Amino acid sequence: MSIIKINNNSIMSSSNFTYGVATASFQIEGGIDHRLPCIWDTFCATEGKVVDSSDGSIACDHFTKWQEDIELIDSLNVDAYRFSVSWPRVLHQDGSVNNEGMQFYINILDKLNEKGIKPFVTLYHWDLPQHLEDNGGWLNRDTAYKFQEYTEKVVQAFGNRVYSYATFNEPFCSAYLGYEIGIHAPGKVGKEYGKKAAHHILLAHGLGMQVLAKLSPNTKNGIVLNFTPGYPLTDSPEDQAATEIANQNFNYWYAKPIFDGNYPELFDKLPAEHKPQILDGDMDIIFQPIDFLGINFYTRARYKHHPTEWFEEVNTENVERTDIGWEVYPQAFTDLLVDLNTRYKLPPIYITENGAAIDDVIENNQINDTRRIDYYNRHLNAVDDAINQGVNVVGYFAWSLMDNFEWAEGYLKRFGIVYVDYKTQIRTIKASGLAYKSFISERS
């Protein structure tokens, strides 16, 4: 069987290093009749938005199978489980607590703690209540304050059951994919929307951090950002300049306000109609101290100069790719971590998502996903290389625990280390899951 192997003397080989698996509410839960509608329900119901015309009404039926799934997580010998709370499941439209929905997560937290699995809770993983979107969603500044209220109610209900809170998962995806190019919910399209949505999400993060500092000071509180580091197609000054702008647009736009209290230089280049409205005190709210940074990494991008736009992404040919079409380039993981560590004064880092979509085939009740194992092996070693260069990475979460609803791709792409038969809801641990378990279990 293929194995995952890193340096025996590595920090990552220590029992002090946290290993986990991750999921997100809309992608696995189902239980649609027990919560309010969210923007992804509406998006899925819009013709042509999801490749296989599927939705999240059942997904992996985690809403009813959660106990079985926690037993599954426990069987993998992981230290931690990262999952998200569904805002429309825990609050009614008037903002009052939905006790049934809140109890669902309290039961999960209690079971995880009973088994000694650290709960890493993400407060927002893209499933905004539809009634808030009807009032403007993340283009409405008031939504940031609605998030603050939601955070207060969740933290008060969860009490001391949580090990770590992340305010948001991947603000870039919510803002850019959802409000600028429209390939994610709510499907708005317009350059005048993206940065405005991003600012309100970052504002909500800061407001949420203030709540967490007050009501949950003993948990590790932070945010999860995704990064797709850009590389110039050539060494020409033009391609390098284009790549710098691309990195500011897609990566540093979300990191720099959190760590430096201001937006990148790109802000000054934006047309007035594309700039967010920044009120006095906004940047101070965003610039809250955080206990950790969660980093999600999957691939890199390459850019070249464009005569009329700031940059153009290049689709490189003849490279290794995963089933979702993303280039496999582990060196970018090391480069990213080292760059961020050089660029900003960082808190401890958790790799909160990393994994590969592979076209899995189940044969004799086994899934021999050697390509995924190779992906994990190479990327874990890339993280180890960054640690050896001084980056303080303290944990790693495989994405994902199980195959699930992969957003606009529906159920066509499988990222899980556990195979899900969507007709029977039977879970089968893949070879990658067994390799991950073995790797974790052999730590000193």
Protein backbone atom coordinates (compact mmCIF):
# COMPACT_ATOMS: atom_id res chain seq x y z
CA MET A 1 0.00 0.00 0.00
CA SER A 2 1.19 3.52 -0.73
CA ILE A 3 2.32 5.46 2.32
CA ILE A 4 2.73 9.01 3.52
CA LYS A 5 6.21 9.70 4.83
CA ILE A 6 8.06 12.78 6.08
CA ASN A 7 11.31 13.31 7.99
CA ASN A 8 11.21 11.43 11.30
CA ASN A 9 12.86 14.38 13.03
CA SER A 10 10.28 16.82 11.70
CA ILE A 11 8.02 18.88 13.93
CA MET A 12 5.22 17.32 11.89
CA SER A 13 6.19 13.90 13.23
CA SER A 14 5.57 15.02 16.79
CA SER A 15 2.43 14.28 18.78
CA ASN A 16 2.26 18.03 19.45
CA PHE A 17 1.44 18.68 15.79
CA THR A 18 -2.32 18.66 15.15
CA TYR A 19 -3.76 16.50 12.36
CA GLY A 20 -7.39 16.63 11.39
CA VAL A 21 -10.05 16.32 8.73
CA ALA A 22 -12.44 19.01 7.54
CA THR A 23 -15.98 19.44 6.17
CA ALA A 24 -18.50 22.24 5.62
CA SER A 25 -22.17 22.38 6.59
CA PHE A 26 -23.88 22.83 3.21
CA GLN A 27 -21.60 20.27 1.57
CA ILE A 28 -22.48 17.37 3.88
CA GLU A 29 -25.49 18.04 6.09
CA GLY A 30 -28.69 17.88 4.09
CA GLY A 31 -31.56 18.31 6.55
CA ILE A 32 -32.90 21.14 4.45
CA ASP A 33 -36.36 21.00 6.06
CA HIS A 34 -34.88 21.83 9.46
CA ARG A 35 -33.38 25.19 8.56
CA LEU A 36 -34.06 28.41 6.68
CA PRO A 37 -33.20 28.67 2.97
CA CYS A 38 -29.68 29.85 2.18
CA ILE A 39 -28.10 31.42 -0.90
CA TRP A 40 -26.82 28.04 -2.08
CA ASP A 41 -30.34 26.60 -2.08
CA THR A 42 -31.39 29.42 -4.38
CA PHE A 43 -28.27 29.10 -6.53
CA CYS A 44 -28.76 25.34 -6.96
CA ALA A 45 -32.38 25.89 -7.99
CA THR A 46 -31.28 28.29 -10.74
CA GLU A 47 -30.90 26.46 -14.04
CA GLY A 48 -27.37 26.12 -15.35
CA LYS A 49 -25.56 27.12 -12.17
CA VAL A 50 -24.54 23.65 -10.92
CA VAL A 51 -22.94 21.33 -13.48
CA ASP A 52 -24.98 18.22 -12.63
CA SER A 53 -28.11 20.18 -11.61
CA SER A 54 -27.85 18.78 -8.07
CA ASP A 55 -28.38 20.49 -4.71
CA GLY A 56 -27.61 20.17 -1.02
CA SER A 57 -31.00 18.96 0.18
CA ILE A 58 -29.57 15.55 1.15
CA ALA A 59 -25.83 15.76 0.41
CA CYS A 60 -24.16 13.19 2.69
CA ASP A 61 -27.16 13.14 5.05
CA HIS A 62 -24.86 14.12 7.90
CA PHE A 63 -27.87 15.70 9.62
CA THR A 64 -29.10 12.21 10.48
CA LYS A 65 -25.82 10.26 10.23
CA TRP A 66 -23.67 12.57 12.37
CA GLN A 67 -23.07 10.00 15.10
CA GLU A 68 -21.88 7.43 12.58
CA ASP A 69 -19.67 10.08 11.00
CA ILE A 70 -18.03 10.97 14.31
CA GLU A 71 -17.27 7.29 14.85
CA LEU A 72 -15.70 7.35 11.39
CA ILE A 73 -13.61 10.40 12.28
CA ASP A 74 -12.52 8.74 15.51
CA SER A 75 -11.46 5.61 13.62
CA LEU A 76 -8.98 7.70 11.60
CA ASN A 77 -7.04 8.60 14.79
CA VAL A 78 -7.11 12.32 14.01
CA ASP A 79 -6.59 14.95 16.71
CA ALA A 80 -9.17 17.42 15.45
CA TYR A 81 -12.27 17.89 13.31
CA ARG A 82 -12.93 21.13 11.47
CA PHE A 83 -16.57 21.77 10.54
CA SER A 84 -18.83 24.76 9.96
CA VAL A 85 -22.05 25.97 11.51
CA SER A 86 -24.99 26.64 9.22
CA TRP A 87 -26.20 30.15 10.06
CA PRO A 88 -29.71 29.44 8.70
CA ARG A 89 -29.92 26.30 10.86
CA VAL A 90 -29.24 27.97 14.20
CA LEU A 91 -31.14 31.26 13.90
CA HIS A 92 -34.71 32.09 12.91
CA GLN A 93 -35.38 34.90 10.48
CA ASP A 94 -36.02 37.33 13.35
CA GLY A 95 -32.56 36.55 14.74
CA SER A 96 -33.77 34.43 17.64
CA VAL A 97 -32.15 31.06 18.31
CA ASN A 98 -33.49 27.93 16.60
CA ASN A 99 -33.04 25.60 19.54
CA GLU A 100 -33.26 22.42 17.45
CA GLY A 101 -30.56 23.64 15.10
CA MET A 102 -28.29 24.84 17.87
CA GLN A 103 -28.71 21.54 19.72
CA PHE A 104 -27.61 19.65 16.60
CA TYR A 105 -24.17 21.24 16.85
CA ILE A 106 -24.02 21.03 20.64
CA ASN A 107 -24.56 17.27 20.35
CA ILE A 108 -21.72 17.05 17.82
CA LEU A 109 -19.43 19.10 20.07
CA ASP A 110 -20.23 16.97 23.11
CA LYS A 111 -19.52 13.75 21.20
CA LEU A 112 -16.23 15.08 19.83
CA ASN A 113 -15.09 16.18 23.26
CA GLU A 114 -16.11 12.83 24.70
CA LYS A 115 -13.77 11.18 22.21
CA GLY A 116 -10.92 13.65 22.74
CA ILE A 117 -11.23 15.15 19.26
CA LYS A 118 -10.64 18.91 19.23
CA PRO A 119 -13.56 20.82 17.63
CA PHE A 120 -12.45 23.52 15.18
CA VAL A 121 -15.60 25.51 14.38
CA THR A 122 -15.94 27.71 11.30
CA LEU A 123 -18.72 30.24 11.73
CA TYR A 124 -19.25 31.04 8.04
CA HIS A 125 -18.60 28.66 5.17
CA TRP A 126 -20.64 30.38 2.45
CA ASP A 127 -24.26 29.51 3.35
CA LEU A 128 -25.69 32.97 4.02
CA PRO A 129 -29.40 32.96 4.96
CA GLN A 130 -31.39 33.86 1.86
CA HIS A 131 -33.42 36.52 3.68
CA LEU A 132 -30.19 38.45 4.31
CA GLU A 133 -29.24 38.16 0.65
CA ASP A 134 -32.68 39.53 -0.22
CA ASN A 135 -31.64 42.64 1.71
CA GLY A 136 -28.36 42.94 -0.20
CA GLY A 137 -26.26 40.18 1.29
CA TRP A 138 -22.59 41.03 1.59
CA LEU A 139 -23.14 44.18 -0.47
CA ASN A 140 -25.15 45.49 2.50
CA ARG A 141 -22.97 46.77 5.34
CA ASP A 142 -25.65 45.74 7.82
CA THR A 143 -24.91 42.05 7.10
CA ALA A 144 -21.58 42.46 8.90
CA TYR A 145 -23.47 43.45 12.04
CA LYS A 146 -25.93 40.57 11.55
CA PHE A 147 -22.86 38.30 11.56
CA GLN A 148 -21.71 39.89 14.82
CA GLU A 149 -25.10 39.06 16.40
CA TYR A 150 -25.01 35.53 14.99
CA THR A 151 -21.52 35.01 16.44
CA GLU A 152 -22.67 36.16 19.86
CA LYS A 153 -25.55 33.68 19.92
CA VAL A 154 -23.45 30.74 18.71
CA VAL A 155 -20.63 31.37 21.17
CA GLN A 156 -23.04 31.79 24.07
CA ALA A 157 -24.81 28.53 23.16
CA PHE A 158 -21.63 26.49 22.62
CA GLY A 159 -20.03 27.58 25.88
CA ASN A 160 -16.71 25.87 26.63
CA ARG A 161 -17.17 23.04 24.12
CA VAL A 162 -15.05 24.54 21.30
CA TYR A 163 -11.26 24.39 20.87
CA SER A 164 -10.99 26.91 18.02
CA TYR A 165 -13.20 29.35 16.12
CA ALA A 166 -12.62 30.65 12.60
CA THR A 167 -14.82 33.58 11.66
CA PHE A 168 -14.81 32.95 7.90
CA ASN A 169 -13.71 30.38 5.40
CA GLU A 170 -12.19 31.88 2.25
CA PRO A 171 -13.59 35.43 1.98
CA PHE A 172 -12.12 35.51 -1.54
CA CYS A 173 -14.53 32.83 -2.72
CA SER A 174 -17.58 34.50 -1.21
CA ALA A 175 -16.66 37.93 -2.55
CA TYR A 176 -15.01 37.26 -5.92
CA LEU A 177 -16.69 34.03 -7.02
CA GLY A 178 -20.06 35.00 -5.56
CA TYR A 179 -20.32 38.74 -6.20
CA GLU A 180 -17.89 39.53 -9.02
CA ILE A 181 -17.81 36.67 -11.54
CA GLY A 182 -20.96 34.89 -10.37
CA ILE A 183 -19.89 31.25 -10.50
CA HIS A 184 -20.78 30.76 -6.83
CA ALA A 185 -23.83 31.84 -4.85
CA PRO A 186 -25.44 34.31 -4.96
CA GLY A 187 -24.27 34.53 -8.58
CA LYS A 188 -23.89 38.29 -8.97
CA VAL A 189 -21.64 39.55 -11.75
CA GLY A 190 -19.85 42.88 -11.77
CA LYS A 191 -16.43 44.29 -10.93
CA GLU A 192 -18.22 46.97 -8.95
CA TYR A 193 -19.44 44.32 -6.48
CA GLY A 194 -16.44 42.14 -5.58
CA LYS A 195 -14.34 44.48 -3.45
CA LYS A 196 -17.41 45.91 -1.73
CA ALA A 197 -18.53 42.44 -0.68
CA ALA A 198 -14.98 41.63 0.43
CA HIS A 199 -14.81 44.72 2.63
CA HIS A 200 -18.06 43.90 4.39
CA ILE A 201 -16.92 40.30 4.96
CA LEU A 202 -13.62 41.50 6.41
CA LEU A 203 -15.52 43.99 8.55
CA ALA A 204 -17.72 41.12 9.77
CA HIS A 205 -14.57 39.16 10.58
CA GLY A 206 -13.27 42.00 12.73
CA LEU A 207 -16.61 42.39 14.51
CA GLY A 208 -16.70 38.64 15.06
CA MET A 209 -13.19 38.66 16.51
CA GLN A 210 -14.25 41.33 18.98
CA VAL A 211 -17.11 39.08 20.12
CA LEU A 212 -14.80 36.08 20.42
CA ALA A 213 -12.23 38.07 22.40
CA LYS A 214 -14.95 39.08 24.85
CA LEU A 215 -17.07 35.93 25.11
CA SER A 216 -14.60 33.15 24.23
CA PRO A 217 -11.08 34.34 25.13
CA ASN A 218 -9.81 30.84 25.89
CA THR A 219 -10.42 29.42 22.41
CA LYS A 220 -7.99 29.84 19.52
CA ASN A 221 -9.71 32.45 17.35
CA GLY A 222 -8.80 33.41 13.79
CA ILE A 223 -9.76 33.27 10.14
CA VAL A 224 -9.24 30.92 7.20
CA LEU A 225 -7.89 32.43 3.97
CA ASN A 226 -7.29 30.62 0.70
CA PHE A 227 -4.26 31.40 -1.43
CA THR A 228 -3.48 30.60 -5.04
CA PRO A 229 0.03 32.02 -5.44
CA GLY A 230 0.72 33.57 -8.82
CA TYR A 231 3.88 33.03 -10.87
CA PRO A 232 4.95 35.05 -13.92
CA LEU A 233 4.92 33.21 -17.23
CA THR A 234 8.34 34.67 -18.04
CA ASP A 235 10.97 36.72 -16.22
CA SER A 236 10.07 39.83 -18.19
CA PRO A 237 9.38 42.95 -16.10
CA GLU A 238 5.93 43.15 -17.71
CA ASP A 239 4.92 39.61 -16.65
CA GLN A 240 6.36 40.11 -13.18
CA ALA A 241 4.44 43.37 -12.72
CA ALA A 242 1.24 41.70 -13.93
CA THR A 243 1.74 38.85 -11.48
CA GLU A 244 2.28 41.25 -8.58
CA ILE A 245 -1.06 42.92 -9.33
CA ALA A 246 -2.77 39.53 -9.62
CA ASN A 247 -1.38 38.47 -6.25
CA GLN A 248 -2.59 41.70 -4.67
CA ASN A 249 -6.02 41.18 -6.20
CA PHE A 250 -6.53 37.53 -5.28
CA ASN A 251 -4.30 36.93 -2.26
CA TYR A 252 -2.99 39.98 -0.43
CA TRP A 253 -6.32 41.83 -0.65
CA TYR A 254 -7.58 39.58 2.14
CA ALA A 255 -4.38 39.11 4.16
CA LYS A 256 -2.96 42.63 4.27
CA PRO A 257 -5.93 44.32 6.01
CA ILE A 258 -5.84 41.65 8.73
CA PHE A 259 -2.09 41.89 9.34
CA ASP A 260 -1.25 45.45 8.29
CA GLY A 261 -4.54 47.27 8.73
CA ASN A 262 -4.77 48.49 5.13
CA TYR A 263 -5.45 47.29 1.61
CA PRO A 264 -2.70 46.65 -0.98
CA GLU A 265 -1.49 49.36 -3.37
CA LEU A 266 -3.96 48.00 -5.92
CA PHE A 267 -6.66 49.92 -4.02
CA ASP A 268 -5.40 53.20 -5.48
CA LYS A 269 -5.57 51.80 -9.02
CA LEU A 270 -9.24 50.81 -8.76
CA PRO A 271 -11.88 52.96 -10.46
CA ALA A 272 -13.99 54.84 -7.91
CA GLU A 273 -17.05 52.72 -8.66
CA HIS A 274 -15.11 49.53 -7.81
CA LYS A 275 -13.81 50.74 -4.46
CA PRO A 276 -15.58 49.76 -1.24
CA GLN A 277 -16.90 52.47 1.00
CA ILE A 278 -14.57 52.52 4.00
CA LEU A 279 -15.94 54.35 7.01
CA ASP A 280 -13.86 55.78 9.84
CA GLY A 281 -12.77 52.98 12.12
CA ASP A 282 -13.39 50.15 9.63
CA MET A 283 -9.75 49.23 9.16
CA ASP A 284 -9.18 49.27 12.91
CA ILE A 285 -12.05 46.81 13.33
CA ILE A 286 -10.61 44.52 10.65
CA PHE A 287 -7.12 44.83 12.14
CA GLN A 288 -7.88 42.67 15.18
CA PRO A 289 -5.23 40.40 16.67
CA ILE A 290 -5.84 36.77 15.76
CA ASP A 291 -4.61 33.65 17.51
CA PHE A 292 -4.04 31.70 14.31
CA LEU A 293 -4.23 31.96 10.53
CA GLY A 294 -5.87 29.12 8.66
CA ILE A 295 -4.44 28.60 5.18
CA ASN A 296 -6.20 26.68 2.43
CA PHE A 297 -4.00 25.67 -0.50
CA TYR A 298 -4.63 23.58 -3.60
CA THR A 299 -2.73 24.93 -6.61
CA ARG A 300 -0.91 27.86 -8.20
CA ALA A 301 -1.68 30.22 -11.10
CA ARG A 302 0.50 31.70 -13.84
CA TYR A 303 0.10 35.18 -15.29
CA LYS A 304 1.34 37.30 -18.13
CA HIS A 305 1.07 40.92 -19.15
CA HIS A 306 -2.11 41.99 -20.93
CA PRO A 307 -2.23 45.16 -23.06
CA THR A 308 -5.61 46.40 -21.75
CA GLU A 309 -6.21 44.47 -18.52
CA TRP A 310 -3.84 44.37 -15.54
CA PHE A 311 -2.99 40.70 -16.04
CA GLU A 312 -4.02 37.56 -17.89
CA GLU A 313 -4.03 34.08 -16.40
CA VAL A 314 -2.26 31.48 -18.52
CA ASN A 315 -3.50 27.90 -18.75
CA THR A 316 -0.24 25.96 -18.72
CA GLU A 317 -0.22 22.82 -20.88
CA ASN A 318 1.44 19.46 -20.24
CA VAL A 319 1.37 19.66 -16.45
CA GLU A 320 -0.01 17.24 -13.86
CA ARG A 321 -3.56 18.10 -12.84
CA THR A 322 -6.20 16.82 -10.44
CA ASP A 323 -9.67 15.80 -11.59
CA ILE A 324 -10.97 19.32 -11.09
CA GLY A 325 -8.30 20.68 -13.45
CA TRP A 326 -5.95 22.25 -10.92
CA GLU A 327 -2.21 21.96 -11.50
CA VAL A 328 -0.29 19.86 -8.97
CA TYR A 329 2.65 22.02 -7.93
CA PRO A 330 3.73 21.39 -4.31
CA GLN A 331 6.64 23.84 -4.48
CA ALA A 332 4.08 26.64 -4.57
CA PHE A 333 2.91 25.54 -1.12
CA THR A 334 6.38 26.02 0.34
CA ASP A 335 6.87 29.28 -1.56
CA LEU A 336 3.52 30.61 -0.32
CA LEU A 337 4.15 29.84 3.33
CA VAL A 338 7.65 31.32 3.25
CA ASP A 339 6.43 34.43 1.40
CA LEU A 340 3.59 35.08 3.85
CA ASN A 341 5.95 34.57 6.78
CA THR A 342 8.34 37.11 5.27
CA ARG A 343 5.63 39.58 4.30
CA TYR A 344 3.60 39.65 7.54
CA LYS A 345 4.00 39.14 11.27
CA LEU A 346 2.04 35.90 11.44
CA PRO A 347 0.48 34.03 14.34
CA PRO A 348 0.71 30.21 14.37
CA ILE A 349 -0.60 28.65 11.15
CA TYR A 350 -2.96 25.78 10.61
CA ILE A 351 -3.23 24.30 7.14
CA THR A 352 -7.02 24.16 7.26
CA GLU A 353 -7.57 22.67 3.81
CA ASN A 354 -5.38 20.76 1.39
CA GLY A 355 -6.35 17.87 -0.84
CA ALA A 356 -7.09 16.61 -4.32
CA ALA A 357 -10.09 15.77 -6.47
CA ILE A 358 -9.43 12.38 -8.00
CA ASP A 359 -11.67 10.34 -10.32
CA ASP A 360 -12.05 7.52 -7.81
CA VAL A 361 -13.19 4.04 -8.81
CA ILE A 362 -14.57 1.60 -6.24
CA GLU A 363 -13.61 -2.02 -6.93
CA ASN A 364 -14.30 -4.92 -4.55
CA ASN A 365 -15.39 -2.37 -1.96
CA GLN A 366 -11.97 -0.71 -2.12
CA ILE A 367 -10.76 2.62 -3.50
CA ASN A 368 -7.07 2.51 -4.31
CA ASP A 369 -6.53 6.25 -4.78
CA THR A 370 -2.75 6.24 -5.07
CA ARG A 371 -2.74 9.61 -6.88
CA ARG A 372 -4.35 11.25 -3.87
CA ILE A 373 -1.87 9.61 -1.50
CA ASP A 374 0.95 10.93 -3.68
CA TYR A 375 -0.62 14.40 -3.56
CA TYR A 376 -0.78 14.34 0.24
CA ASN A 377 2.72 12.94 0.51
CA ARG A 378 4.23 15.69 -1.62
CA HIS A 379 2.24 18.51 -0.04
CA LEU A 380 2.91 17.43 3.53
CA ASN A 381 6.59 17.43 2.65
CA ALA A 382 6.19 20.88 1.12
CA VAL A 383 4.79 22.09 4.45
CA ASP A 384 7.71 20.43 6.21
CA ASP A 385 10.10 22.33 3.93
CA ALA A 386 8.43 25.61 4.95
CA ILE A 387 8.68 24.72 8.63
CA ASN A 388 12.39 24.08 8.15
CA GLN A 389 12.62 27.62 6.74
CA GLY A 390 11.11 29.10 9.89
CA VAL A 391 7.35 29.07 9.23
CA ASN A 392 5.35 28.27 12.37
CA VAL A 393 2.86 25.68 11.10
CA VAL A 394 1.20 23.84 13.98
CA GLY A 395 -1.46 21.73 12.29
CA TYR A 396 -2.79 20.22 9.07
CA PHE A 397 -6.34 19.29 8.03
CA ALA A 398 -7.03 17.03 5.06
CA TRP A 399 -9.77 18.21 2.72
CA SER A 400 -11.99 16.51 2.96
CA LEU A 401 -13.23 13.91 5.38
CA MET A 402 -15.67 12.55 2.81
CA ASP A 403 -16.84 13.08 -0.73
CA ASN A 404 -19.53 15.74 -0.76
CA PHE A 405 -21.39 18.45 -2.66
CA GLU A 406 -18.57 20.29 -4.39
CA TRP A 407 -20.39 23.59 -4.95
CA ALA A 408 -20.83 24.51 -8.63
CA GLU A 409 -19.40 21.10 -9.61
CA GLY A 410 -22.19 19.29 -7.75
CA TYR A 411 -21.33 15.70 -6.91
CA LEU A 412 -19.01 15.14 -9.87
CA LYS A 413 -15.73 15.82 -8.05
CA ARG A 414 -14.53 13.71 -5.14
CA PHE A 415 -12.08 15.19 -2.61
CA GLY A 416 -12.77 12.81 0.27
CA ILE A 417 -10.45 10.37 1.96
CA VAL A 418 -13.71 8.51 2.58
CA TYR A 419 -15.86 7.42 -0.37
CA VAL A 420 -19.59 8.19 -0.23
CA ASP A 421 -22.12 6.23 -2.26
CA TYR A 422 -24.75 8.94 -2.65
CA LYS A 423 -27.53 6.44 -3.35
CA THR A 424 -26.97 4.29 -0.27
CA GLN A 425 -25.04 6.82 1.88
CA ILE A 426 -22.55 4.06 2.67
CA ARG A 427 -19.12 5.39 3.61
CA THR A 428 -15.95 3.51 2.65
CA ILE A 429 -12.50 4.61 3.79
CA LYS A 430 -10.24 5.01 0.77
CA ALA A 431 -6.61 3.94 0.61
CA SER A 432 -5.72 7.60 1.21
CA GLY A 433 -7.75 7.58 4.43
CA LEU A 434 -5.97 4.44 5.60
CA ALA A 435 -2.58 5.95 4.68
CA TYR A 436 -3.43 9.17 6.53
CA LYS A 437 -4.49 7.18 9.59
CA SER A 438 -1.28 5.14 9.49
CA PHE A 439 0.83 8.28 9.10
CA ILE A 440 -0.84 9.99 12.07
CA SER A 441 -0.68 6.86 14.22
CA GLU A 442 3.08 6.44 13.77
CA ARG A 443 3.99 9.80 15.32
CA SER A 444 6.30 9.80 18.32
